[in-house]
Amino acid sequence: MTGAPLEILIPANNEAAQIDACLAALAESTPVPGPVGVTVIANGCHDDTAARTRAATAQMAARGWTLRVIELPVGGKIAALNAGEAGLPDTAIRAYLDADVTVSPPLMALIHAALDRATPLYASGRPRITGRGRVARAYARLWAQLPFMAHGVPGCGLFAVSPAGRKRWGAFPELISDDGFARLNFAPEERVAVPADYDWPVAEGFAALWRVRRRQDAGMAEIARRHPDMMTREGKPPLGVAGAARLALRDPVGFAVYGAVALGVRLAPEPRGWSRGR
């Protein structure tokens, strides 16, 4: 394949404070061979997310990219993803991007190069986990050192699939973890880490970190319960007691914050609903 279309889907729920930076970073991307479309699915928004997105139309058009906005009256990421994908060509590489993510200039071109082929593949860049405030920074610092985050292809906040890879499932199912579901459709050897960064912020403060971490754990538990066969493709390297000890010695503050959040989640009941990433 050469010059396959690239479709970038951004579900956005009240993301007026983040969408400008997200789209501006995309507009600074290294040229991508083939047509590029960006779709922002404003779902259940009570702010000016959609208007701010439309204001970036000329900026995208200046580089030959198309930008469209879909507005849904009810919030929900899964419904937003499925609405955004409706009518897209089967030949398109598809990238799924959170509205609070900012990409580095080479990332989308490298993802396109990695996935512009006939084989089923999954790809992402190198997440730079960022946080505001001492608690968020400590949590982010420790999280980035975990084996799967440092050496795997986690795809948090941004993942992409080749056209053949996208054929592995139909519509996104109603699951908490859409990104975990997509990743586990691919074996570890089918996941490509491209050498370019993107910024992905974590929640701020213990309470928000706890809510998000609880959602993440519940999402993976739901996949394990409903699709146990998919967990055979997890491929996470173990941390182990020795690895945990090394992290604790290297970053005692980060280890304490991360451990406190993880312990709090283990002691809490499983959530019934979806929590935002901030």
Protein backbone atom coordinates (compact mmCIF):
# COMPACT_ATOMS: atom_id res chain seq x y z
CA MET A 1 0.00 0.00 0.00
CA THR A 2 1.16 3.55 -0.66
CA GLY A 3 -0.51 6.79 0.33
CA ALA A 4 -3.50 5.26 2.11
CA PRO A 5 -5.97 7.77 3.57
CA LEU A 6 -5.49 8.65 7.22
CA GLU A 7 -8.59 9.34 9.30
CA ILE A 8 -8.11 10.86 12.76
CA LEU A 9 -11.07 10.57 15.14
CA ILE A 10 -11.31 12.75 18.25
CA PRO A 11 -14.26 12.17 20.61
CA ALA A 12 -14.75 15.30 22.70
CA ASN A 13 -17.04 15.91 25.67
CA ASN A 14 -16.83 19.52 26.93
CA GLU A 15 -13.24 19.87 25.72
CA ALA A 16 -13.24 23.58 24.86
CA ALA A 17 -10.21 24.15 27.08
CA GLN A 18 -8.16 21.45 25.32
CA ILE A 19 -9.34 21.16 21.72
CA ASP A 20 -7.46 24.20 20.40
CA ALA A 21 -4.07 22.82 21.47
CA CYS A 22 -4.95 19.35 20.20
CA LEU A 23 -5.87 20.60 16.73
CA ALA A 24 -3.01 23.11 16.56
CA ALA A 25 -0.50 20.33 17.25
CA LEU A 26 -2.04 18.19 14.51
CA ALA A 27 -1.84 21.12 12.10
CA GLU A 28 1.92 21.31 12.72
CA SER A 29 2.40 17.67 11.71
CA THR A 30 5.02 16.56 9.22
CA PRO A 31 3.36 16.01 5.80
CA VAL A 32 1.54 12.70 5.46
CA PRO A 33 1.33 11.01 2.05
CA GLY A 34 -2.25 10.58 0.99
CA PRO A 35 -5.41 12.40 2.09
CA VAL A 36 -5.96 13.17 5.77
CA GLY A 37 -9.30 13.74 7.47
CA VAL A 38 -9.87 14.88 11.04
CA THR A 39 -13.25 14.28 12.68
CA VAL A 40 -14.15 15.76 16.04
CA ILE A 41 -17.22 14.15 17.58
CA ALA A 42 -18.61 16.63 20.09
CA ASN A 43 -20.81 14.46 22.30
CA GLY A 44 -23.06 15.87 25.00
CA CYS A 45 -21.18 19.18 25.04
CA HIS A 46 -22.45 22.18 26.98
CA ASP A 47 -19.54 24.41 25.99
CA ASP A 48 -18.16 25.71 22.68
CA THR A 49 -16.10 22.63 21.74
CA ALA A 50 -17.82 22.38 18.35
CA ALA A 51 -17.43 26.09 17.56
CA ARG A 52 -13.76 26.06 18.50
CA THR A 53 -13.23 23.04 16.29
CA ARG A 54 -14.89 24.69 13.32
CA ALA A 55 -12.63 27.71 13.81
CA ALA A 56 -9.68 25.47 12.93
CA THR A 57 -11.11 24.53 9.51
CA ALA A 58 -8.98 27.02 7.58
CA GLN A 59 -5.86 25.99 9.46
CA MET A 60 -6.39 22.37 8.45
CA ALA A 61 -7.37 23.27 4.88
CA ALA A 62 -4.14 25.25 4.48
CA ARG A 63 -2.22 22.01 4.69
CA GLY A 64 -4.69 20.05 2.57
CA TRP A 65 -6.47 18.29 5.45
CA THR A 66 -10.23 18.15 5.87
CA LEU A 67 -11.94 18.84 9.18
CA ARG A 68 -15.49 17.91 10.07
CA VAL A 69 -17.54 18.17 13.24
CA ILE A 70 -20.24 15.76 14.34
CA GLU A 71 -22.46 16.91 17.19
CA LEU A 72 -24.28 14.33 19.30
CA PRO A 73 -26.78 15.45 21.93
CA VAL A 74 -25.81 12.76 24.45
CA GLY A 75 -22.35 12.18 25.89
CA GLY A 76 -20.68 8.81 25.44
CA LYS A 77 -17.30 7.88 23.99
CA ILE A 78 -18.33 4.59 22.38
CA ALA A 79 -21.28 6.16 20.56
CA ALA A 80 -19.00 9.02 19.50
CA LEU A 81 -16.40 6.66 18.05
CA ASN A 82 -19.01 4.69 16.14
CA ALA A 83 -20.63 7.87 14.79
CA GLY A 84 -17.25 9.19 13.68
CA GLU A 85 -16.40 5.98 11.84
CA ALA A 86 -19.69 5.75 9.96
CA GLY A 87 -19.03 6.12 6.25
CA LEU A 88 -15.24 6.14 6.44
CA PRO A 89 -13.47 4.21 3.67
CA ASP A 90 -12.34 0.68 4.53
CA THR A 91 -8.94 1.52 3.01
CA ALA A 92 -8.20 4.22 5.61
CA ILE A 93 -5.67 4.00 8.40
CA ARG A 94 -7.56 5.08 11.52
CA ALA A 95 -6.10 6.97 14.45
CA TYR A 96 -8.06 7.53 17.66
CA LEU A 97 -7.01 10.55 19.66
CA ASP A 98 -8.16 11.96 23.00
CA ALA A 99 -8.93 15.68 22.87
CA ASP A 100 -6.43 16.49 25.63
CA VAL A 101 -3.51 14.89 23.75
CA THR A 102 -0.96 16.99 21.85
CA VAL A 103 1.16 15.21 19.26
CA SER A 104 4.73 15.98 18.26
CA PRO A 105 5.21 16.99 14.59
CA PRO A 106 6.58 13.67 13.24
CA LEU A 107 4.12 11.36 15.02
CA MET A 108 1.26 11.11 12.52
CA ALA A 109 3.57 10.67 9.53
CA LEU A 110 5.45 7.89 11.32
CA ILE A 111 2.18 6.19 12.29
CA HIS A 112 1.06 6.40 8.68
CA ALA A 113 4.33 4.88 7.47
CA ALA A 114 4.07 2.05 10.02
CA LEU A 115 0.47 1.18 9.13
CA ASP A 116 0.39 1.80 5.36
CA ARG A 117 0.54 -1.91 4.57
CA ALA A 118 -1.77 -4.86 4.00
CA THR A 119 -1.11 -6.61 7.34
CA PRO A 120 -3.17 -6.15 10.53
CA LEU A 121 -1.19 -3.82 12.80
CA TYR A 122 -1.67 -1.51 15.77
CA ALA A 123 0.57 1.48 16.48
CA SER A 124 1.14 4.31 18.90
CA GLY A 125 3.85 6.75 19.85
CA ARG A 126 5.78 7.31 23.07
CA PRO A 127 3.49 8.88 25.67
CA ARG A 128 5.00 11.67 27.74
CA ILE A 129 2.82 11.40 30.81
CA THR A 130 2.37 14.89 32.20
CA GLY A 131 0.72 16.25 35.30
CA ARG A 132 0.07 19.52 37.10
CA GLY A 133 0.70 19.75 40.80
CA ARG A 134 3.04 17.69 42.97
CA VAL A 135 0.73 14.70 43.34
CA ALA A 136 -0.01 14.38 39.62
CA ARG A 137 3.65 14.82 38.67
CA ALA A 138 4.77 12.20 41.17
CA TYR A 139 2.15 9.73 39.94
CA ALA A 140 3.01 10.39 36.28
CA ARG A 141 6.73 10.04 36.93
CA LEU A 142 6.35 6.62 38.54
CA TRP A 143 3.77 5.39 36.03
CA ALA A 144 6.12 6.19 33.14
CA GLN A 145 8.74 3.87 34.66
CA LEU A 146 6.53 0.78 34.80
CA PRO A 147 7.73 -1.91 32.34
CA PHE A 148 4.65 -1.84 30.10
CA MET A 149 4.68 1.94 29.82
CA ALA A 150 8.44 2.13 29.28
CA HIS A 151 8.82 -0.81 26.88
CA GLY A 152 5.38 -1.72 25.55
CA VAL A 153 2.89 -0.03 23.24
CA PRO A 154 0.18 1.06 25.70
CA GLY A 155 -1.69 3.38 23.32
CA CYS A 156 -3.11 5.48 26.15
CA GLY A 157 -4.67 8.62 24.72
CA LEU A 158 -3.68 7.73 21.15
CA PHE A 159 -3.69 4.54 19.11
CA ALA A 160 -4.03 3.70 15.43
CA VAL A 161 -4.76 0.63 13.32
CA SER A 162 -4.09 -0.41 9.76
CA PRO A 163 -7.05 -1.03 7.43
CA ALA A 164 -6.65 -4.80 7.81
CA GLY A 165 -6.33 -4.39 11.57
CA ARG A 166 -9.60 -2.47 11.79
CA LYS A 167 -11.41 -5.39 10.20
CA ARG A 168 -10.83 -7.45 13.33
CA TRP A 169 -13.95 -6.03 14.95
CA GLY A 170 -17.11 -4.31 13.85
CA ALA A 171 -18.57 -1.39 15.76
CA PHE A 172 -16.91 -0.55 19.07
CA PRO A 173 -18.76 -2.52 21.77
CA GLU A 174 -20.12 -0.91 24.91
CA LEU A 175 -17.09 -1.36 27.13
CA ILE A 176 -15.40 0.95 29.61
CA SER A 177 -11.99 0.54 27.99
CA ASP A 178 -12.19 1.19 24.25
CA ASP A 179 -8.40 1.54 24.01
CA GLY A 180 -7.78 -1.69 25.92
CA PHE A 181 -10.26 -3.50 23.69
CA ALA A 182 -8.55 -2.24 20.54
CA ARG A 183 -5.06 -3.09 21.80
CA LEU A 184 -6.04 -6.61 22.81
CA ASN A 185 -7.28 -7.34 19.31
CA PHE A 186 -3.57 -7.52 18.44
CA ALA A 187 -0.79 -9.78 19.64
CA PRO A 188 2.28 -8.06 21.11
CA GLU A 189 4.25 -8.69 17.92
CA GLU A 190 1.55 -6.87 15.92
CA ARG A 191 1.92 -3.66 17.97
CA VAL A 192 4.31 -1.05 16.65
CA ALA A 193 5.91 1.65 18.78
CA VAL A 194 6.89 4.55 16.53
CA PRO A 195 9.78 6.79 17.68
CA ALA A 196 7.85 10.01 18.26
CA ASP A 197 6.27 11.53 21.36
CA TYR A 198 2.90 12.83 22.40
CA ASP A 199 1.82 14.55 25.61
CA TRP A 200 -0.87 12.81 27.63
CA PRO A 201 -1.96 14.47 30.90
CA VAL A 202 -3.04 12.61 34.01
CA ALA A 203 -5.72 13.72 36.42
CA GLU A 204 -4.89 16.19 39.17
CA GLY A 205 -5.05 15.32 42.87
CA PHE A 206 -5.58 12.06 44.77
CA ALA A 207 -9.34 11.98 44.34
CA ALA A 208 -9.25 12.45 40.56
CA LEU A 209 -6.36 10.01 40.14
CA TRP A 210 -8.26 7.46 42.21
CA ARG A 211 -11.40 7.83 40.08
CA VAL A 212 -9.50 7.45 36.82
CA ARG A 213 -7.35 4.56 38.03
CA ARG A 214 -10.49 2.80 39.29
CA ARG A 215 -12.05 3.20 35.86
CA GLN A 216 -8.92 1.84 34.15
CA ASP A 217 -8.81 -1.23 36.37
CA ALA A 218 -12.55 -1.81 36.01
CA GLY A 219 -12.23 -1.52 32.24
CA MET A 220 -9.62 -4.24 32.02
CA ALA A 221 -11.56 -6.42 34.47
CA GLU A 222 -14.63 -6.05 32.26
CA ILE A 223 -12.69 -7.19 29.19
CA ALA A 224 -11.30 -10.16 31.13
CA ARG A 225 -14.83 -11.08 32.21
CA ARG A 226 -16.56 -10.63 28.87
CA HIS A 227 -13.70 -11.52 26.49
CA PRO A 228 -11.32 -13.78 28.44
CA ASP A 229 -9.64 -15.00 25.25
CA MET A 230 -8.38 -11.48 24.56
CA MET A 231 -6.32 -11.43 27.76
CA THR A 232 -3.95 -14.03 26.28
CA ARG A 233 -2.66 -11.20 24.09
CA GLU A 234 -1.90 -8.84 26.98
CA GLY A 235 1.85 -9.35 26.92
CA LYS A 236 2.63 -7.10 29.89
CA PRO A 237 6.11 -7.69 31.34
CA PRO A 238 5.90 -8.36 35.10
CA LEU A 239 7.25 -5.82 37.55
CA GLY A 240 8.05 -8.30 40.31
CA VAL A 241 9.22 -7.67 43.85
CA ALA A 242 12.74 -6.75 42.75
CA GLY A 243 11.43 -4.29 40.16
CA ALA A 244 9.11 -2.68 42.69
CA ALA A 245 11.99 -2.35 45.15
CA ARG A 246 14.13 -0.64 42.54
CA LEU A 247 11.35 1.83 41.75
CA ALA A 248 10.83 2.56 45.44
CA LEU A 249 14.53 3.28 45.94
CA ARG A 250 14.80 5.34 42.76
CA ASP A 251 11.67 7.43 43.35
CA PRO A 252 10.26 7.01 46.88
CA VAL A 253 7.79 9.90 46.56
CA GLY A 254 6.42 8.71 43.23
CA PHE A 255 6.23 5.16 44.52
CA ALA A 256 4.31 6.27 47.60
CA VAL A 257 1.79 8.31 45.58
CA TYR A 258 1.28 5.62 42.95
CA GLY A 259 0.99 2.93 45.62
CA ALA A 260 -1.52 4.92 47.64
CA VAL A 261 -3.76 5.41 44.58
CA ALA A 262 -3.49 1.74 43.60
CA LEU A 263 -4.26 0.57 47.14
CA GLY A 264 -7.25 2.89 47.38
CA VAL A 265 -8.65 1.44 44.17
CA ARG A 266 -8.22 -2.14 45.40
CA LEU A 267 -10.17 -1.34 48.55
CA ALA A 268 -13.03 0.37 46.67
CA PRO A 269 -15.98 -1.27 44.89
CA GLU A 270 -16.04 -1.41 41.11
CA PRO A 271 -17.48 1.76 39.52
CA ARG A 272 -20.81 1.70 37.75
CA GLY A 273 -20.13 4.53 35.32
CA TRP A 274 -17.50 6.23 33.24
CA SER A 275 -15.03 8.77 34.68
CA ARG A 276 -13.24 11.43 32.67
CA GLY A 277 -9.51 11.25 32.25
CA ARG A 278 -8.95 14.43 34.28
